[in-house]
């Protein structure tokens, strides 16, 4: 029993100072906890950052699409010819005494 105790004491004395310091151990424990076990760990933060980037890209895309649609709306309602063209192409409307043939590829 005494031999075992001496071996433990000898092992403890050979350890570096930072392993014996309770503050260093506490800080290391805290860092390990925050990096791996917390609900906001590093992996979660990285996936949330990727998701945020994706959502920002989608927002930019939809804002540009809104600008295009607004420009198309202004162009469409600027003249009667453009309204007629839109009605003929989109809703297959026709004038009196006119036949329409739709050819699809």
PDB file of N, CA and C in Angstrom:
ATOM      1  N   UNK A   1       0.818  -1.183   0.000  1.00  0.00           N
ATOM      2  CA  UNK A   1       0.000   0.000   0.000  1.00  0.00           C
ATOM      3  C   UNK A   1       0.864   1.251   0.000  1.00  0.00           C
ATOM      4  N   UNK A   2       1.946   1.202   0.752  1.00  0.00           N
ATOM      5  CA  UNK A   2       2.850   2.347   0.835  1.00  0.00           C
ATOM      6  C   UNK A   2       3.540   2.555  -0.513  1.00  0.00           C
ATOM      7  N   UNK A   3       3.855   1.474  -1.177  1.00  0.00           N
ATOM      8  CA  UNK A   3       4.513   1.567  -2.483  1.00  0.00           C
ATOM      9  C   UNK A   3       3.581   2.243  -3.493  1.00  0.00           C
ATOM     10  N   UNK A   4       2.334   1.886  -3.456  1.00  0.00           N
ATOM     11  CA  UNK A   4       1.354   2.490  -4.355  1.00  0.00           C
ATOM     12  C   UNK A   4       1.207   3.980  -4.077  1.00  0.00           C
ATOM     13  N   UNK A   5       1.173   4.338  -2.805  1.00  0.00           N
ATOM     14  CA  UNK A   5       1.061   5.744  -2.433  1.00  0.00           C
ATOM     15  C   UNK A   5       2.288   6.521  -2.904  1.00  0.00           C
ATOM     16  N   UNK A   6       3.453   5.935  -2.771  1.00  0.00           N
ATOM     17  CA  UNK A   6       4.683   6.586  -3.227  1.00  0.00           C
ATOM     18  C   UNK A   6       4.681   6.750  -4.751  1.00  0.00           C
ATOM     19  N   UNK A   7       4.160   5.769  -5.450  1.00  0.00           N
ATOM     20  CA  UNK A   7       4.081   5.861  -6.908  1.00  0.00           C
ATOM     21  C   UNK A   7       3.124   6.980  -7.332  1.00  0.00           C
ATOM     22  N   UNK A   8       2.025   7.103  -6.634  1.00  0.00           N
ATOM     23  CA  UNK A   8       1.061   8.165  -6.940  1.00  0.00           C
ATOM     24  C   UNK A   8       1.672   9.530  -6.674  1.00  0.00           C
ATOM     25  N   UNK A   9       2.362   9.676  -5.552  1.00  0.00           N
ATOM     26  CA  UNK A   9       3.006  10.950  -5.218  1.00  0.00           C
ATOM     27  C   UNK A   9       4.080  11.271  -6.249  1.00  0.00           C
ATOM     28  N   UNK A  10       4.855  10.283  -6.618  1.00  0.00           N
ATOM     29  CA  UNK A  10       5.901  10.494  -7.611  1.00  0.00           C
ATOM     30  C   UNK A  10       5.288  10.896  -8.961  1.00  0.00           C
ATOM     31  N   UNK A  11       4.208  10.240  -9.343  1.00  0.00           N
ATOM     32  CA  UNK A  11       3.520  10.587 -10.593  1.00  0.00           C
ATOM     33  C   UNK A  11       2.972  12.012 -10.531  1.00  0.00           C
ATOM     34  N   UNK A  12       2.394  12.382  -9.410  1.00  0.00           N
ATOM     35  CA  UNK A  12       1.838  13.730  -9.239  1.00  0.00           C
ATOM     36  C   UNK A  12       2.932  14.796  -9.306  1.00  0.00           C
ATOM     37  N   UNK A  13       4.079  14.490  -8.766  1.00  0.00           N
ATOM     38  CA  UNK A  13       5.186  15.450  -8.778  1.00  0.00           C
ATOM     39  C   UNK A  13       5.778  15.619 -10.180  1.00  0.00           C
ATOM     40  N   UNK A  14       5.683  14.605 -11.000  1.00  0.00           N
ATOM     41  CA  UNK A  14       6.224  14.694 -12.356  1.00  0.00           C
ATOM     42  C   UNK A  14       5.300  15.452 -13.310  1.00  0.00           C
ATOM     43  N   UNK A  15       4.072  15.695 -12.917  1.00  0.00           N
ATOM     44  CA  UNK A  15       3.140  16.420 -13.783  1.00  0.00           C
ATOM     45  C   UNK A  15       3.559  17.878 -13.928  1.00  0.00           C
ATOM     46  N   UNK A  16       3.341  18.465 -15.095  1.00  0.00           N
ATOM     47  CA  UNK A  16       3.664  19.885 -15.263  1.00  0.00           C
ATOM     48  C   UNK A  16       2.761  20.759 -14.383  1.00  0.00           C
ATOM     49  N   UNK A  17       3.179  22.000 -14.173  1.00  0.00           N
ATOM     50  CA  UNK A  17       2.465  22.893 -13.253  1.00  0.00           C
ATOM     51  C   UNK A  17       1.049  23.199 -13.741  1.00  0.00           C
ATOM     52  N   UNK A  18       0.855  23.290 -15.062  1.00  0.00           N
ATOM     53  CA  UNK A  18      -0.465  23.688 -15.553  1.00  0.00           C
ATOM     54  C   UNK A  18      -1.502  22.577 -15.414  1.00  0.00           C
ATOM     55  N   UNK A  19      -1.066  21.348 -15.289  1.00  0.00           N
ATOM     56  CA  UNK A  19      -2.007  20.250 -15.068  1.00  0.00           C
ATOM     57  C   UNK A  19      -2.475  20.235 -13.613  1.00  0.00           C
ATOM     58  N   UNK A  20      -1.632  20.714 -12.718  1.00  0.00           N
ATOM     59  CA  UNK A  20      -1.982  20.743 -11.296  1.00  0.00           C
ATOM     60  C   UNK A  20      -2.790  21.986 -10.914  1.00  0.00           C
ATOM     61  N   UNK A  21      -2.794  22.994 -11.756  1.00  0.00           N
ATOM     62  CA  UNK A  21      -3.462  24.244 -11.432  1.00  0.00           C
ATOM     63  C   UNK A  21      -4.974  24.100 -11.638  1.00  0.00           C
ATOM     64  N   UNK A  22      -5.751  24.401 -10.605  1.00  0.00           N
ATOM     65  CA  UNK A  22      -7.201  24.218 -10.682  1.00  0.00           C
ATOM     66  C   UNK A  22      -7.860  25.223 -11.622  1.00  0.00           C
ATOM     67  N   UNK A  23      -7.265  26.388 -11.792  1.00  0.00           N
ATOM     68  CA  UNK A  23      -7.839  27.388 -12.694  1.00  0.00           C
ATOM     69  C   UNK A  23      -7.671  26.974 -14.160  1.00  0.00           C
ATOM     70  N   UNK A  24      -6.532  26.427 -14.461  1.00  0.00           N
ATOM     71  CA  UNK A  24      -6.292  25.948 -15.821  1.00  0.00           C
ATOM     72  C   UNK A  24      -7.233  24.793 -16.136  1.00  0.00           C
ATOM     73  N   UNK A  25      -7.403  23.905 -15.200  1.00  0.00           N
ATOM     74  CA  UNK A  25      -8.315  22.774 -15.395  1.00  0.00           C
ATOM     75  C   UNK A  25      -9.740  23.272 -15.572  1.00  0.00           C
ATOM     76  N   UNK A  26     -10.137  24.255 -14.780  1.00  0.00           N
ATOM     77  CA  UNK A  26     -11.487  24.817 -14.899  1.00  0.00           C
ATOM     78  C   UNK A  26     -11.696  25.470 -16.258  1.00  0.00           C
ATOM     79  N   UNK A  27     -10.727  26.224 -16.713  1.00  0.00           N
ATOM     80  CA  UNK A  27     -10.840  26.887 -18.016  1.00  0.00           C
ATOM     81  C   UNK A  27     -10.885  25.858 -19.137  1.00  0.00           C
ATOM     82  N   UNK A  28     -10.051  24.834 -19.060  1.00  0.00           N
ATOM     83  CA  UNK A  28     -10.071  23.779 -20.074  1.00  0.00           C
ATOM     84  C   UNK A  28     -11.410  23.053 -20.093  1.00  0.00           C
ATOM     85  N   UNK A  29     -11.934  22.754 -18.920  1.00  0.00           N
ATOM     86  CA  UNK A  29     -13.243  22.112 -18.843  1.00  0.00           C
ATOM     87  C   UNK A  29     -14.309  23.003 -19.470  1.00  0.00           C
ATOM     88  N   UNK A  30     -14.275  24.292 -19.150  1.00  0.00           N
ATOM     89  CA  UNK A  30     -15.238  25.238 -19.703  1.00  0.00           C
ATOM     90  C   UNK A  30     -15.140  25.295 -21.227  1.00  0.00           C
ATOM     91  N   UNK A  31     -13.923  25.359 -21.761  1.00  0.00           N
ATOM     92  CA  UNK A  31     -13.749  25.427 -23.210  1.00  0.00           C
ATOM     93  C   UNK A  31     -14.232  24.157 -23.902  1.00  0.00           C
ATOM     94  N   UNK A  32     -13.900  23.015 -23.329  1.00  0.00           N
ATOM     95  CA  UNK A  32     -14.369  21.755 -23.910  1.00  0.00           C
ATOM     96  C   UNK A  32     -15.888  21.703 -23.880  1.00  0.00           C
ATOM     97  N   UNK A  33     -16.463  22.133 -22.784  1.00  0.00           N
ATOM     98  CA  UNK A  33     -17.928  22.136 -22.669  1.00  0.00           C
ATOM     99  C   UNK A  33     -18.547  23.055 -23.728  1.00  0.00           C
ATOM    100  N   UNK A  34     -18.011  24.244 -23.887  1.00  0.00           N
ATOM    101  CA  UNK A  34     -18.581  25.209 -24.827  1.00  0.00           C
ATOM    102  C   UNK A  34     -18.382  24.776 -26.284  1.00  0.00           C
ATOM    103  N   UNK A  35     -17.273  24.116 -26.582  1.00  0.00           N
ATOM    104  CA  UNK A  35     -17.001  23.726 -27.958  1.00  0.00           C
ATOM    105  C   UNK A  35     -17.747  22.468 -28.387  1.00  0.00           C
ATOM    106  N   UNK A  36     -18.040  21.568 -27.460  1.00  0.00           N
ATOM    107  CA  UNK A  36     -18.584  20.284 -27.875  1.00  0.00           C
ATOM    108  C   UNK A  36     -19.938  19.917 -27.276  1.00  0.00           C
ATOM    109  N   UNK A  37     -20.251  20.351 -26.066  1.00  0.00           N
ATOM    110  CA  UNK A  37     -21.436  19.846 -25.392  1.00  0.00           C
ATOM    111  C   UNK A  37     -22.557  20.862 -25.230  1.00  0.00           C
ATOM    112  N   UNK A  38     -22.300  22.119 -25.405  1.00  0.00           N
ATOM    113  CA  UNK A  38     -23.314  23.150 -25.226  1.00  0.00           C
ATOM    114  C   UNK A  38     -24.282  23.121 -26.407  1.00  0.00           C
ATOM    115  N   UNK A  39     -25.482  23.670 -26.218  1.00  0.00           N
ATOM    116  CA  UNK A  39     -26.450  23.673 -27.311  1.00  0.00           C
ATOM    117  C   UNK A  39     -26.027  24.618 -28.436  1.00  0.00           C
ATOM    118  N   UNK A  40     -25.147  25.539 -28.164  1.00  0.00           N
ATOM    119  CA  UNK A  40     -24.613  26.452 -29.176  1.00  0.00           C
ATOM    120  C   UNK A  40     -23.153  26.138 -29.474  1.00  0.00           C
ATOM    121  N   UNK A  41     -22.852  24.861 -29.644  1.00  0.00           N
ATOM    122  CA  UNK A  41     -21.467  24.462 -29.879  1.00  0.00           C
ATOM    123  C   UNK A  41     -20.984  24.901 -31.262  1.00  0.00           C
ATOM    124  N   UNK A  42     -19.753  24.610 -31.552  1.00  0.00           N
ATOM    125  CA  UNK A  42     -19.111  25.085 -32.775  1.00  0.00           C
ATOM    126  C   UNK A  42     -19.797  24.520 -34.018  1.00  0.00           C
ATOM    127  N   UNK A  43     -20.124  23.253 -34.013  1.00  0.00           N
ATOM    128  CA  UNK A  43     -20.758  22.645 -35.179  1.00  0.00           C
ATOM    129  C   UNK A  43     -22.128  23.257 -35.453  1.00  0.00           C
ATOM    130  N   UNK A  44     -22.877  23.517 -34.400  1.00  0.00           N
ATOM    131  CA  UNK A  44     -24.182  24.154 -34.561  1.00  0.00           C
ATOM    132  C   UNK A  44     -24.028  25.557 -35.119  1.00  0.00           C
ATOM    133  N   UNK A  45     -23.060  26.284 -34.626  1.00  0.00           N
ATOM    134  CA  UNK A  45     -22.835  27.647 -35.114  1.00  0.00           C
ATOM    135  C   UNK A  45     -22.433  27.643 -36.591  1.00  0.00           C
ATOM    136  N   UNK A  46     -21.623  26.687 -36.994  1.00  0.00           N
ATOM    137  CA  UNK A  46     -21.219  26.609 -38.402  1.00  0.00           C
ATOM    138  C   UNK A  46     -22.411  26.288 -39.294  1.00  0.00           C
ATOM    139  N   UNK A  47     -23.259  25.353 -38.861  1.00  0.00           N
ATOM    140  CA  UNK A  47     -24.425  25.016 -39.683  1.00  0.00           C
ATOM    141  C   UNK A  47     -25.398  26.189 -39.737  1.00  0.00           C
ATOM    142  N   UNK A  48     -25.544  26.909 -38.642  1.00  0.00           N
ATOM    143  CA  UNK A  48     -26.418  28.089 -38.656  1.00  0.00           C
ATOM    144  C   UNK A  48     -25.853  29.187 -39.542  1.00  0.00           C
ATOM    145  N   UNK A  49     -24.549  29.330 -39.572  1.00  0.00           N
ATOM    146  CA  UNK A  49     -23.931  30.337 -40.449  1.00  0.00           C
ATOM    147  C   UNK A  49     -24.163  29.979 -41.921  1.00  0.00           C
ATOM    148  N   UNK A  50     -24.053  28.693 -42.261  1.00  0.00           N
ATOM    149  CA  UNK A  50     -24.331  28.254 -43.626  1.00  0.00           C
ATOM    150  C   UNK A  50     -25.792  28.503 -43.986  1.00  0.00           C
ATOM    151  N   UNK A  51     -26.685  28.193 -43.054  1.00  0.00           N
ATOM    152  CA  UNK A  51     -28.106  28.403 -43.294  1.00  0.00           C
ATOM    153  C   UNK A  51     -28.410  29.890 -43.467  1.00  0.00           C
ATOM    154  N   UNK A  52     -27.783  30.727 -42.661  1.00  0.00           N
ATOM    155  CA  UNK A  52     -27.973  32.173 -42.774  1.00  0.00           C
ATOM    156  C   UNK A  52     -27.488  32.668 -44.129  1.00  0.00           C
ATOM    157  N   UNK A  53     -26.345  32.188 -44.577  1.00  0.00           N
ATOM    158  CA  UNK A  53     -25.812  32.587 -45.884  1.00  0.00           C
ATOM    159  C   UNK A  53     -26.767  32.169 -46.994  1.00  0.00           C
ATOM    160  N   UNK A  54     -27.310  30.966 -46.895  1.00  0.00           N
ATOM    161  CA  UNK A  54     -28.262  30.487 -47.892  1.00  0.00           C
ATOM    162  C   UNK A  54     -29.514  31.359 -47.909  1.00  0.00           C
ATOM    163  N   UNK A  55     -30.019  31.696 -46.738  1.00  0.00           N
ATOM    164  CA  UNK A  55     -31.212  32.540 -46.665  1.00  0.00           C
ATOM    165  C   UNK A  55     -30.942  33.945 -47.198  1.00  0.00           C
ATOM    166  N   UNK A  56     -29.761  34.469 -46.949  1.00  0.00           N
ATOM    167  CA  UNK A  56     -29.412  35.784 -47.493  1.00  0.00           C
ATOM    168  C   UNK A  56     -29.333  35.733 -49.015  1.00  0.00           C
ATOM    169  N   UNK A  57     -28.794  34.649 -49.557  1.00  0.00           N
ATOM    170  CA  UNK A  57     -28.746  34.495 -51.013  1.00  0.00           C
ATOM    171  C   UNK A  57     -30.151  34.409 -51.600  1.00  0.00           C
ATOM    172  N   UNK A  58     -31.038  33.673 -50.930  1.00  0.00           N
ATOM    173  CA  UNK A  58     -32.423  33.589 -51.385  1.00  0.00           C
ATOM    174  C   UNK A  58     -33.097  34.950 -51.339  1.00  0.00           C
ATOM    175  N   UNK A  59     -32.853  35.694 -50.275  1.00  0.00           N
ATOM    176  CA  UNK A  59     -33.434  37.030 -50.153  1.00  0.00           C
ATOM    177  C   UNK A  59     -32.970  37.926 -51.294  1.00  0.00           C
ATOM    178  N   UNK A  60     -31.673  37.895 -51.593  1.00  0.00           N
ATOM    179  CA  UNK A  60     -31.146  38.702 -52.690  1.00  0.00           C
ATOM    180  C   UNK A  60     -31.762  38.292 -54.025  1.00  0.00           C
ATOM    181  N   UNK A  61     -31.917  36.981 -54.232  1.00  0.00           N
ATOM    182  CA  UNK A  61     -32.529  36.493 -55.465  1.00  0.00           C
ATOM    183  C   UNK A  61     -33.960  36.996 -55.588  1.00  0.00           C
ATOM    184  N   UNK A  62     -34.739  36.868 -54.521  1.00  0.00           N
ATOM    185  CA  UNK A  62     -36.136  37.287 -54.586  1.00  0.00           C
ATOM    186  C   UNK A  62     -36.278  38.799 -54.713  1.00  0.00           C
ATOM    187  N   UNK A  63     -35.375  39.555 -54.119  1.00  0.00           N
ATOM    188  CA  UNK A  63     -35.419  41.010 -54.296  1.00  0.00           C
ATOM    189  C   UNK A  63     -35.143  41.385 -55.749  1.00  0.00           C
ATOM    190  N   UNK A  64     -34.194  40.697 -56.376  1.00  0.00           N
ATOM    191  CA  UNK A  64     -33.925  40.978 -57.792  1.00  0.00           C
ATOM    192  C   UNK A  64     -35.101  40.547 -58.669  1.00  0.00           C
ATOM    193  N   UNK A  65     -35.746  39.436 -58.322  1.00  0.00           N
ATOM    194  CA  UNK A  65     -36.917  39.000 -59.081  1.00  0.00           C
ATOM    195  C   UNK A  65     -38.071  39.988 -58.926  1.00  0.00           C
ATOM    196  N   UNK A  66     -38.239  40.547 -57.745  1.00  0.00           N
ATOM    197  CA  UNK A  66     -39.285  41.552 -57.525  1.00  0.00           C
ATOM    198  C   UNK A  66     -39.022  42.775 -58.394  1.00  0.00           C
ATOM    199  N   UNK A  67     -37.765  43.189 -58.480  1.00  0.00           N
ATOM    200  CA  UNK A  67     -37.426  44.331 -59.343  1.00  0.00           C
ATOM    201  C   UNK A  67     -37.755  44.027 -60.801  1.00  0.00           C
ATOM    202  N   UNK A  68     -37.444  42.803 -61.250  1.00  0.00           N
ATOM    203  CA  UNK A  68     -37.747  42.426 -62.631  1.00  0.00           C
ATOM    204  C   UNK A  68     -39.252  42.424 -62.881  1.00  0.00           C
ATOM    205  N   UNK A  69     -40.017  41.885 -61.945  1.00  0.00           N
ATOM    206  CA  UNK A  69     -41.468  41.823 -62.106  1.00  0.00           C
ATOM    207  C   UNK A  69     -42.064  43.223 -62.121  1.00  0.00           C
ATOM    208  N   UNK A  70     -41.561  44.098 -61.273  1.00  0.00           N
ATOM    209  CA  UNK A  70     -42.059  45.481 -61.279  1.00  0.00           C
ATOM    210  C   UNK A  70     -41.750  46.164 -62.604  1.00  0.00           C
ATOM    211  N   UNK A  71     -40.551  45.918 -63.136  1.00  0.00           N
ATOM    212  CA  UNK A  71     -40.206  46.497 -64.441  1.00  0.00           C
ATOM    213  C   UNK A  71     -41.103  45.930 -65.534  1.00  0.00           C
ATOM    214  N   UNK A  72     -41.383  44.624 -65.495  1.00  0.00           N
ATOM    215  CA  UNK A  72     -42.292  44.012 -66.468  1.00  0.00           C
ATOM    216  C   UNK A  72     -43.698  44.578 -66.334  1.00  0.00           C
ATOM    217  N   UNK A  73     -44.132  44.821 -65.119  1.00  0.00           N
ATOM    218  CA  UNK A  73     -45.465  45.384 -64.881  1.00  0.00           C
ATOM    219  C   UNK A  73     -45.572  46.780 -65.486  1.00  0.00           C
ATOM    220  N   UNK A  74     -44.545  47.581 -65.271  1.00  0.00           N
ATOM    221  CA  UNK A  74     -44.550  48.934 -65.831  1.00  0.00           C
ATOM    222  C   UNK A  74     -44.554  48.869 -67.357  1.00  0.00           C
ATOM    223  N   UNK A  75     -43.751  47.965 -67.921  1.00  0.00           N
ATOM    224  CA  UNK A  75     -43.708  47.823 -69.377  1.00  0.00           C
ATOM    225  C   UNK A  75     -45.029  47.292 -69.915  1.00  0.00           C
ATOM    226  N   UNK A  76     -45.669  46.413 -69.191  1.00  0.00           N
ATOM    227  CA  UNK A  76     -46.918  45.810 -69.648  1.00  0.00           C
ATOM    228  C   UNK A  76     -48.050  46.823 -69.677  1.00  0.00           C
ATOM    229  N   UNK A  77     -48.181  47.600 -68.643  1.00  0.00           N
ATOM    230  CA  UNK A  77     -49.301  48.531 -68.558  1.00  0.00           C
ATOM    231  C   UNK A  77     -49.002  49.894 -69.176  1.00  0.00           C
ATOM    232  N   UNK A  78     -47.901  49.995 -69.890  1.00  0.00           N
ATOM    233  CA  UNK A  78     -47.559  51.287 -70.491  1.00  0.00           C
ATOM    234  C   UNK A  78     -48.333  51.543 -71.782  1.00  0.00           C
ATOM    235  N   UNK A  79     -48.740  50.496 -72.483  1.00  0.00           N
ATOM    236  CA  UNK A  79     -49.476  50.709 -73.740  1.00  0.00           C
ATOM    237  C   UNK A  79     -50.526  49.619 -73.923  1.00  0.00           C
ATOM    238  N   UNK A  80     -51.509  49.930 -74.778  1.00  0.00           N
ATOM    239  CA  UNK A  80     -52.576  48.966 -75.053  1.00  0.00           C
ATOM    240  C   UNK A  80     -52.066  47.779 -75.861  1.00  0.00           C
ATOM    241  N   UNK A  81     -51.076  48.014 -76.714  1.00  0.00           N
ATOM    242  CA  UNK A  81     -50.541  46.919 -77.524  1.00  0.00           C
ATOM    243  C   UNK A  81     -49.874  45.852 -76.647  1.00  0.00           C
ATOM    244  N   UNK A  82     -49.161  46.287 -75.640  1.00  0.00           N
ATOM    245  CA  UNK A  82     -48.502  45.314 -74.765  1.00  0.00           C
ATOM    246  C   UNK A  82     -49.521  44.534 -73.941  1.00  0.00           C
ATOM    247  N   UNK A  83     -50.606  45.190 -73.524  1.00  0.00           N
ATOM    248  CA  UNK A  83     -51.666  44.470 -72.793  1.00  0.00           C
ATOM    249  C   UNK A  83     -52.313  43.437 -73.703  1.00  0.00           C
ATOM    250  N   UNK A  84     -52.580  43.826 -74.949  1.00  0.00           N
ATOM    251  CA  UNK A  84     -53.193  42.898 -75.896  1.00  0.00           C
ATOM    252  C   UNK A  84     -52.266  41.717 -76.176  1.00  0.00           C
ATOM    253  N   UNK A  85     -50.985  41.986 -76.360  1.00  0.00           N
ATOM    254  CA  UNK A  85     -50.015  40.918 -76.609  1.00  0.00           C
ATOM    255  C   UNK A  85     -49.966  39.949 -75.432  1.00  0.00           C
ATOM    256  N   UNK A  86     -49.956  40.483 -74.216  1.00  0.00           N
ATOM    257  CA  UNK A  86     -49.933  39.638 -73.023  1.00  0.00           C
ATOM    258  C   UNK A  86     -51.193  38.780 -72.941  1.00  0.00           C
ATOM    259  N   UNK A  87     -52.359  39.383 -73.200  1.00  0.00           N
ATOM    260  CA  UNK A  87     -53.621  38.641 -73.132  1.00  0.00           C
ATOM    261  C   UNK A  87     -53.664  37.543 -74.183  1.00  0.00           C
ATOM    262  N   UNK A  88     -53.148  37.817 -75.357  1.00  0.00           N
ATOM    263  CA  UNK A  88     -53.149  36.802 -76.416  1.00  0.00           C
ATOM    264  C   UNK A  88     -52.191  35.652 -76.089  1.00  0.00           C
ATOM    265  N   UNK A  89     -51.005  35.976 -75.577  1.00  0.00           N
ATOM    266  CA  UNK A  89     -50.009  34.935 -75.309  1.00  0.00           C
ATOM    267  C   UNK A  89     -50.322  34.129 -74.056  1.00  0.00           C
ATOM    268  N   UNK A  90     -50.757  34.799 -73.025  1.00  0.00           N
ATOM    269  CA  UNK A  90     -50.937  34.133 -71.733  1.00  0.00           C
ATOM    270  C   UNK A  90     -52.303  33.450 -71.622  1.00  0.00           C
ATOM    271  N   UNK A  91     -53.348  34.138 -72.035  1.00  0.00           N
ATOM    272  CA  UNK A  91     -54.712  33.635 -71.825  1.00  0.00           C
ATOM    273  C   UNK A  91     -55.400  33.217 -73.120  1.00  0.00           C
ATOM    274  N   UNK A  92     -54.673  33.212 -74.219  1.00  0.00           N
ATOM    275  CA  UNK A  92     -55.179  32.773 -75.524  1.00  0.00           C
ATOM    276  C   UNK A  92     -56.456  33.508 -75.920  1.00  0.00           C
ATOM    277  N   UNK A  93     -56.525  34.780 -75.648  1.00  0.00           N
ATOM    278  CA  UNK A  93     -57.681  35.585 -76.051  1.00  0.00           C
ATOM    279  C   UNK A  93     -57.565  35.915 -77.533  1.00  0.00           C
ATOM    280  N   UNK A  94     -58.712  36.222 -78.151  1.00  0.00           N
ATOM    281  CA  UNK A  94     -58.716  36.515 -79.576  1.00  0.00           C
ATOM    282  C   UNK A  94     -59.725  37.610 -79.869  1.00  0.00           C
ATOM    283  N   UNK A  95     -59.588  38.164 -81.055  1.00  0.00           N
ATOM    284  CA  UNK A  95     -60.539  39.170 -81.513  1.00  0.00           C
ATOM    285  C   UNK A  95     -61.718  38.464 -82.166  1.00  0.00           C
ATOM    286  N   UNK A  96     -62.761  39.260 -82.432  1.00  0.00           N
ATOM    287  CA  UNK A  96     -63.902  38.733 -83.186  1.00  0.00           C
ATOM    288  C   UNK A  96     -63.430  38.312 -84.574  1.00  0.00           C
ATOM    289  N   UNK A  97     -64.004  37.252 -85.089  1.00  0.00           N
ATOM    290  CA  UNK A  97     -63.708  36.754 -86.439  1.00  0.00           C
ATOM    291  C   UNK A  97     -62.229  36.385 -86.587  1.00  0.00           C
ATOM    292  N   UNK A  98     -61.656  35.792 -85.581  1.00  0.00           N
ATOM    293  CA  UNK A  98     -60.251  35.421 -85.629  1.00  0.00           C
ATOM    294  C   UNK A  98     -60.113  34.006 -85.073  1.00  0.00           C
ATOM    295  N   UNK A  99     -59.299  33.197 -85.716  1.00  0.00           N
ATOM    296  CA  UNK A  99     -59.040  31.839 -85.247  1.00  0.00           C
ATOM    297  C   UNK A  99     -57.610  31.764 -84.730  1.00  0.00           C
ATOM    298  N   UNK A 100     -57.426  30.994 -83.665  1.00  0.00           N
ATOM    299  CA  UNK A 100     -56.102  30.837 -83.069  1.00  0.00           C
ATOM    300  C   UNK A 100     -55.730  29.362 -83.123  1.00  0.00           C
ATOM    301  N   UNK A 101     -54.524  29.094 -83.608  1.00  0.00           N
ATOM    302  CA  UNK A 101     -54.001  27.740 -83.647  1.00  0.00           C
ATOM    303  C   UNK A 101     -52.790  27.689 -82.719  1.00  0.00           C
ATOM    304  N   UNK A 102     -52.832  26.797 -81.754  1.00  0.00           N
ATOM    305  CA  UNK A 102     -51.745  26.663 -80.788  1.00  0.00           C
ATOM    306  C   UNK A 102     -50.900  25.464 -81.181  1.00  0.00           C
ATOM    307  N   UNK A 103     -49.634  25.726 -81.422  1.00  0.00           N
ATOM    308  CA  UNK A 103     -48.701  24.666 -81.803  1.00  0.00           C
ATOM    309  C   UNK A 103     -47.696  24.512 -80.667  1.00  0.00           C
ATOM    310  N   UNK A 104     -47.670  23.331 -80.072  1.00  0.00           N
ATOM    311  CA  UNK A 104     -46.736  23.058 -78.984  1.00  0.00           C
ATOM    312  C   UNK A 104     -45.675  22.088 -79.465  1.00  0.00           C
ATOM    313  N   UNK A 105     -44.485  22.266 -78.992  1.00  0.00           N
ATOM    314  CA  UNK A 105     -43.373  21.387 -79.393  1.00  0.00           C
ATOM    315  C   UNK A 105     -43.383  20.133 -78.582  1.00  0.00           C
TER     316      UNK A 105
END
